[in-house]
Amino acid sequence: PGPPIALPNMYRVARRVPLARKAGTRGFATEKELRDRLGTIKNISKVTKAMNMVAAAKLRKHQDALGASKSFSKGVDGLMFEADSDKPTMVVPFSTDKGLCGGVNTFVNREAKKQMSDLGENYTLFTYGVKSKSNLQRVFGSKLVGGIVDCTGGNPVTFAEACEVAAFLGEQDAGNMKVIYNSFVNMITYDTLVLDIPSAQAFAAEADKKFEAYEEEGDEGGVMTSFYEFILACKIFGIINECQTCEQSSRMTAMDTSSSNADEMYDKLLLQANRVRQAKITKELMEIVGGASAIQDG
């Protein structure tokens, strides 16, 4: 015989590829695969239950802080007013830094996109929280002028931290602000609100007319600037507390739902695994009985 014929590289590569499963056929999971899935689901259920307990503990702390902040910021509710500005409006969505908290970030980002769409091109974007920044900068990155992330480290916000956020917002060269945030209603409900806040320049221009019944003491013009900064800090203080409470309540609800779904899936797979195990045992018994009968007949 002649020398062996060298096969083309294409043919040798094709021989290594296993045959694909025919379309329309369905493979059944083995007992080992089912046991692996059961172990994975059980571990996930442990994690979600632990996160549920942590969120419940944090929620109580944030609810207490929210009650105090509402009493504090309620006194300045009637001091903000709408004012015209020639500069672009700054859209400020308040989101969370972490996920796994339901749709709190989705609703805020959706409302921010709606507001920016209504404003056309006359706007800028300033984000609070990682989730708004990562979601909105992909499409509206050219309008993004700044952002704040990891402000409180997961703890209830202090008034000093709210003052820093308010000062950073006041430094932006923009017109009026549209602040978008979630307002806590109860354990399973929250509302997505839009708060219009005038810029420092627009507030100072209209303040003399709005507060003409009051007398000023101190530097002329400096009092209104300090007054605006205090009002803005009070508003931001209440808004961040609202967002943090919504985050923890939504996370607790989401983790509770995930735990329930994991337990339900675990029960279904356990029933399926028991059926596969029982079928395997039945098959082995039939083989033993059949073999014993063959020996007796022989």
Protein backbone atom coordinates (compact mmCIF):
# COMPACT_ATOMS: atom_id res chain seq x y z
CA PRO A 1 0.00 0.00 0.00
CA GLY A 2 1.01 3.57 -0.67
CA PRO A 3 1.81 6.26 1.88
CA PRO A 4 -1.10 7.51 4.05
CA ILE A 5 -3.03 10.39 2.63
CA ALA A 6 -2.82 13.58 4.75
CA LEU A 7 -6.27 14.91 5.55
CA PRO A 8 -6.91 18.64 5.17
CA ASN A 9 -6.83 20.76 8.31
CA MET A 10 -10.46 21.70 7.82
CA TYR A 11 -11.48 18.05 7.93
CA ARG A 12 -9.40 17.31 11.04
CA VAL A 13 -10.92 20.26 12.90
CA ALA A 14 -14.41 19.26 11.86
CA ARG A 15 -13.89 15.75 13.28
CA ARG A 16 -13.29 17.19 16.75
CA VAL A 17 -16.62 19.03 16.88
CA PRO A 18 -19.35 16.86 18.46
CA LEU A 19 -22.59 16.41 16.64
CA ALA A 20 -25.21 18.99 17.59
CA ARG A 21 -28.40 17.86 19.21
CA LYS A 22 -31.28 17.61 16.78
CA ALA A 23 -33.73 20.47 16.78
CA GLY A 24 -36.85 19.76 18.78
CA THR A 25 -35.26 17.17 21.07
CA ARG A 26 -35.13 17.78 24.81
CA GLY A 27 -32.50 16.39 27.14
CA PHE A 28 -33.44 15.21 30.62
CA ALA A 29 -31.32 16.24 33.58
CA THR A 30 -29.47 13.48 35.35
CA GLU A 31 -29.70 12.91 39.07
CA LYS A 32 -26.27 14.48 39.63
CA GLU A 33 -27.23 17.60 37.68
CA LEU A 34 -30.42 17.94 39.70
CA ARG A 35 -28.50 17.57 42.97
CA ASP A 36 -26.05 20.26 41.84
CA ARG A 37 -28.92 22.60 41.03
CA LEU A 38 -30.51 21.90 44.39
CA GLY A 39 -27.28 22.81 46.16
CA THR A 40 -26.97 26.03 44.18
CA ILE A 41 -30.56 27.06 44.88
CA LYS A 42 -30.16 26.28 48.58
CA ASN A 43 -27.05 28.50 48.77
CA ILE A 44 -28.82 31.34 46.94
CA SER A 45 -31.76 31.05 49.33
CA LYS A 46 -29.41 31.39 52.31
CA VAL A 47 -27.89 34.55 50.82
CA THR A 48 -31.23 36.18 50.03
CA LYS A 49 -32.61 35.40 53.49
CA ALA A 50 -29.52 36.91 55.11
CA MET A 51 -29.83 40.03 52.93
CA ASN A 52 -33.50 40.26 53.85
CA MET A 53 -32.68 40.30 57.58
CA VAL A 54 -29.92 42.88 57.07
CA ALA A 55 -32.23 45.13 55.04
CA ALA A 56 -34.96 44.83 57.70
CA ALA A 57 -32.53 45.91 60.42
CA LYS A 58 -31.28 48.85 58.35
CA LEU A 59 -34.82 49.85 57.39
CA ARG A 60 -35.79 50.52 60.99
CA LYS A 61 -32.78 52.79 61.42
CA HIS A 62 -33.53 54.68 58.20
CA GLN A 63 -37.21 55.05 59.10
CA ASP A 64 -36.24 56.74 62.36
CA ALA A 65 -33.86 59.05 60.48
CA LEU A 66 -36.56 59.80 57.89
CA GLY A 67 -39.05 60.82 60.56
CA ALA A 68 -36.53 63.24 62.07
CA SER A 69 -35.55 64.68 58.67
CA LYS A 70 -39.19 65.25 57.68
CA SER A 71 -39.77 67.28 60.83
CA PHE A 72 -36.61 69.24 60.13
CA SER A 73 -37.13 69.99 56.43
CA LYS A 74 -40.90 70.55 56.60
CA GLY A 75 -40.39 74.11 57.81
CA VAL A 76 -38.83 75.23 54.51
CA ASP A 77 -41.45 73.72 52.19
CA GLY A 78 -43.10 77.05 51.43
CA LEU A 79 -39.87 79.01 51.01
CA MET A 80 -38.89 77.62 47.60
CA PHE A 81 -40.49 79.18 44.54
CA GLU A 82 -40.26 78.87 40.78
CA ALA A 83 -38.05 81.39 38.98
CA ASP A 84 -37.06 81.90 35.36
CA SER A 85 -33.48 81.36 34.25
CA ASP A 86 -31.72 81.74 30.91
CA LYS A 87 -29.24 78.95 31.65
CA PRO A 88 -29.91 75.28 30.84
CA THR A 89 -31.95 73.32 33.37
CA MET A 90 -29.97 70.79 35.39
CA VAL A 91 -31.63 67.37 35.81
CA VAL A 92 -30.54 65.70 39.07
CA PRO A 93 -31.69 62.06 39.53
CA PHE A 94 -31.09 60.57 43.00
CA SER A 95 -30.37 56.84 42.83
CA THR A 96 -28.60 54.24 44.97
CA ASP A 97 -25.00 53.07 44.96
CA LYS A 98 -25.91 49.36 45.13
CA GLY A 99 -28.39 47.18 43.30
CA LEU A 100 -30.67 44.30 44.30
CA CYS A 101 -33.31 46.77 45.48
CA GLY A 102 -36.20 46.29 43.07
CA GLY A 103 -37.17 49.06 40.69
CA VAL A 104 -36.22 52.15 42.70
CA ASN A 105 -33.41 53.04 40.30
CA THR A 106 -35.38 52.05 37.20
CA PHE A 107 -38.21 54.49 37.95
CA VAL A 108 -35.81 57.34 38.73
CA ASN A 109 -33.79 56.81 35.55
CA ARG A 110 -36.95 56.48 33.47
CA GLU A 111 -38.32 59.76 34.82
CA ALA A 112 -34.95 61.46 34.24
CA LYS A 113 -34.99 60.34 30.60
CA LYS A 114 -38.53 61.65 30.23
CA GLN A 115 -37.60 65.04 31.69
CA MET A 116 -34.54 65.35 29.45
CA SER A 117 -36.59 64.39 26.43
CA ASP A 118 -39.13 67.11 27.24
CA LEU A 119 -36.37 69.72 27.66
CA GLY A 120 -34.91 69.07 24.22
CA GLU A 121 -31.26 70.14 24.21
CA ASN A 122 -31.52 72.87 26.83
CA TYR A 123 -30.40 70.85 29.85
CA THR A 124 -27.44 69.40 31.73
CA LEU A 125 -27.22 66.22 33.80
CA PHE A 126 -25.88 65.79 37.32
CA THR A 127 -26.21 62.36 38.98
CA TYR A 128 -26.33 61.22 42.58
CA GLY A 129 -25.52 57.53 43.05
CA VAL A 130 -23.71 54.93 40.99
CA LYS A 131 -26.82 53.48 39.35
CA SER A 132 -27.96 56.71 37.71
CA LYS A 133 -24.46 57.51 36.51
CA SER A 134 -23.82 54.09 34.97
CA ASN A 135 -27.24 53.97 33.31
CA LEU A 136 -27.54 57.51 31.95
CA GLN A 137 -23.99 58.32 30.91
CA ARG A 138 -24.11 55.77 28.09
CA VAL A 139 -26.72 57.82 26.20
CA PHE A 140 -26.49 61.26 27.81
CA GLY A 141 -22.76 61.33 28.54
CA SER A 142 -22.26 64.54 26.57
CA LYS A 143 -24.66 66.35 28.93
CA LEU A 144 -23.17 64.93 32.13
CA VAL A 145 -21.45 67.70 34.10
CA GLY A 146 -20.75 65.86 37.36
CA GLY A 147 -21.93 63.37 39.92
CA ILE A 148 -21.68 62.16 43.51
CA VAL A 149 -21.17 58.52 44.50
CA ASP A 150 -20.81 56.72 47.84
CA CYS A 151 -21.73 59.79 49.88
CA THR A 152 -22.93 58.11 53.08
CA GLY A 153 -21.38 54.64 52.91
CA GLY A 154 -24.78 53.00 53.51
CA ASN A 155 -25.42 54.84 56.80
CA PRO A 156 -28.22 57.38 57.36
CA VAL A 157 -27.15 60.71 55.92
CA THR A 158 -26.13 63.46 58.31
CA PHE A 159 -26.98 67.11 57.84
CA ALA A 160 -23.29 67.90 57.34
CA GLU A 161 -23.14 65.45 54.41
CA ALA A 162 -26.34 66.96 52.99
CA CYS A 163 -24.75 70.41 53.22
CA GLU A 164 -21.76 69.19 51.20
CA VAL A 165 -24.05 67.78 48.51
CA ALA A 166 -26.08 71.00 48.43
CA ALA A 167 -22.91 73.10 48.18
CA PHE A 168 -21.67 70.98 45.30
CA LEU A 169 -25.00 71.37 43.49
CA GLY A 170 -25.02 75.12 44.08
CA GLU A 171 -21.56 75.47 42.53
CA GLN A 172 -22.72 74.11 39.17
CA ASP A 173 -23.05 76.65 36.37
CA ALA A 174 -26.64 75.80 35.49
CA GLY A 175 -30.14 77.19 35.70
CA ASN A 176 -32.99 75.75 37.69
CA MET A 177 -32.80 72.18 38.92
CA LYS A 178 -35.21 69.29 38.45
CA VAL A 179 -34.51 66.89 41.30
CA ILE A 180 -35.91 63.38 40.73
CA TYR A 181 -36.21 61.06 43.72
CA ASN A 182 -38.35 58.35 45.34
CA SER A 183 -40.64 59.32 48.21
CA PHE A 184 -41.31 56.65 50.83
CA VAL A 185 -45.00 55.81 51.40
CA ASN A 186 -44.99 52.44 53.15
CA MET A 187 -43.10 49.16 53.16
CA ILE A 188 -44.09 48.20 49.61
CA THR A 189 -44.99 51.55 48.02
CA TYR A 190 -43.01 54.61 46.98
CA ASP A 191 -43.69 57.50 44.61
CA THR A 192 -41.24 58.96 42.08
CA LEU A 193 -41.41 62.75 42.38
CA VAL A 194 -39.88 65.72 40.54
CA LEU A 195 -38.97 68.77 42.61
CA ASP A 196 -38.22 72.09 40.88
CA ILE A 197 -35.54 74.11 42.67
CA PRO A 198 -34.42 77.53 41.41
CA SER A 199 -30.76 78.33 40.91
CA ALA A 200 -28.91 80.55 43.38
CA GLN A 201 -28.90 83.47 40.92
CA ALA A 202 -32.60 83.15 40.13
CA PHE A 203 -33.45 82.87 43.83
CA ALA A 204 -31.43 85.97 44.70
CA ALA A 205 -33.09 87.94 41.87
CA GLU A 206 -36.62 87.11 43.05
CA ALA A 207 -35.97 86.98 46.80
CA ASP A 208 -36.39 90.71 47.36
CA LYS A 209 -39.94 90.57 46.02
CA LYS A 210 -40.87 87.35 47.76
CA PHE A 211 -39.52 88.35 51.16
CA GLU A 212 -40.05 92.12 51.08
CA ALA A 213 -42.15 91.89 54.24
CA TYR A 214 -39.06 90.78 56.19
CA GLU A 215 -36.09 92.84 57.28
CA GLU A 216 -32.50 91.76 56.63
CA GLU A 217 -29.64 92.11 59.03
CA GLY A 218 -26.05 91.76 57.94
CA ASP A 219 -24.37 92.05 54.58
CA GLU A 220 -26.72 93.06 51.83
CA GLY A 221 -27.14 90.13 49.46
CA GLY A 222 -25.13 87.77 51.64
CA VAL A 223 -28.10 86.97 53.83
CA MET A 224 -30.16 85.70 50.90
CA THR A 225 -27.25 83.63 49.63
CA SER A 226 -26.84 81.95 53.02
CA PHE A 227 -30.60 81.55 53.27
CA TYR A 228 -30.72 79.79 49.88
CA GLU A 229 -27.90 77.44 50.85
CA PHE A 230 -29.69 76.53 54.08
CA ILE A 231 -33.00 75.87 52.30
CA LEU A 232 -31.28 73.76 49.66
CA ALA A 233 -29.40 71.75 52.32
CA CYS A 234 -32.66 71.08 54.19
CA LYS A 235 -34.31 69.87 50.99
CA ILE A 236 -31.39 67.63 50.05
CA PHE A 237 -31.30 66.24 53.59
CA GLY A 238 -34.92 65.13 53.34
CA ILE A 239 -34.53 63.81 49.78
CA ILE A 240 -31.53 61.59 50.58
CA ASN A 241 -33.32 60.16 53.63
CA GLU A 242 -36.35 59.39 51.45
CA CYS A 243 -34.15 57.63 48.90
CA GLN A 244 -32.30 55.59 51.52
CA THR A 245 -35.53 54.43 53.16
CA CYS A 246 -37.01 53.45 49.79
CA GLU A 247 -33.82 51.54 48.97
CA GLN A 248 -33.90 49.43 52.13
CA SER A 249 -37.65 48.74 52.00
CA SER A 250 -37.44 47.74 48.34
CA ARG A 251 -34.39 45.55 48.98
CA MET A 252 -36.15 43.81 51.86
CA THR A 253 -39.19 43.14 49.66
CA ALA A 254 -37.05 41.96 46.74
CA MET A 255 -35.01 39.60 48.90
CA ASP A 256 -38.16 38.19 50.52
CA THR A 257 -39.62 37.51 47.08
CA SER A 258 -36.35 35.95 45.91
CA SER A 259 -36.26 33.67 48.95
CA SER A 260 -39.83 32.54 48.32
CA ASN A 261 -39.07 31.85 44.65
CA ALA A 262 -35.92 29.92 45.58
CA ASP A 263 -37.82 27.77 48.08
CA GLU A 264 -40.53 27.06 45.51
CA MET A 265 -37.96 26.13 42.87
CA TYR A 266 -36.13 23.95 45.39
CA ASP A 267 -39.30 21.97 46.17
CA LYS A 268 -40.05 21.40 42.48
CA LEU A 269 -36.51 20.25 41.69
CA LEU A 270 -36.43 18.04 44.77
CA LEU A 271 -39.60 16.29 43.58
CA GLN A 272 -38.06 15.84 40.13
CA ALA A 273 -34.81 14.51 41.64
CA ASN A 274 -36.74 12.02 43.78
CA ARG A 275 -38.62 10.80 40.72
CA VAL A 276 -35.37 10.29 38.80
CA ARG A 277 -33.85 8.47 41.79
CA GLN A 278 -36.93 6.26 42.16
CA ALA A 279 -36.91 5.43 38.45
CA LYS A 280 -33.24 4.48 38.69
CA ILE A 281 -33.88 2.20 41.66
CA THR A 282 -36.88 0.60 39.92
CA LYS A 283 -34.79 -0.06 36.83
CA GLU A 284 -32.01 -1.69 38.86
CA LEU A 285 -34.52 -3.90 40.69
CA MET A 286 -36.05 -4.99 37.39
CA GLU A 287 -32.58 -5.86 36.06
CA ILE A 288 -31.83 -7.90 39.19
CA VAL A 289 -35.14 -9.76 39.02
CA GLY A 290 -34.69 -10.37 35.31
CA GLY A 291 -31.17 -11.70 35.86
CA ALA A 292 -32.31 -13.99 38.68
CA SER A 293 -35.13 -15.35 36.51
CA ALA A 294 -32.70 -16.02 33.66
CA ILE A 295 -30.40 -17.96 36.00
CA GLN A 296 -33.30 -20.06 37.33
CA ASP A 297 -34.53 -20.81 33.85
CA GLY A 298 -31.00 -21.82 32.82
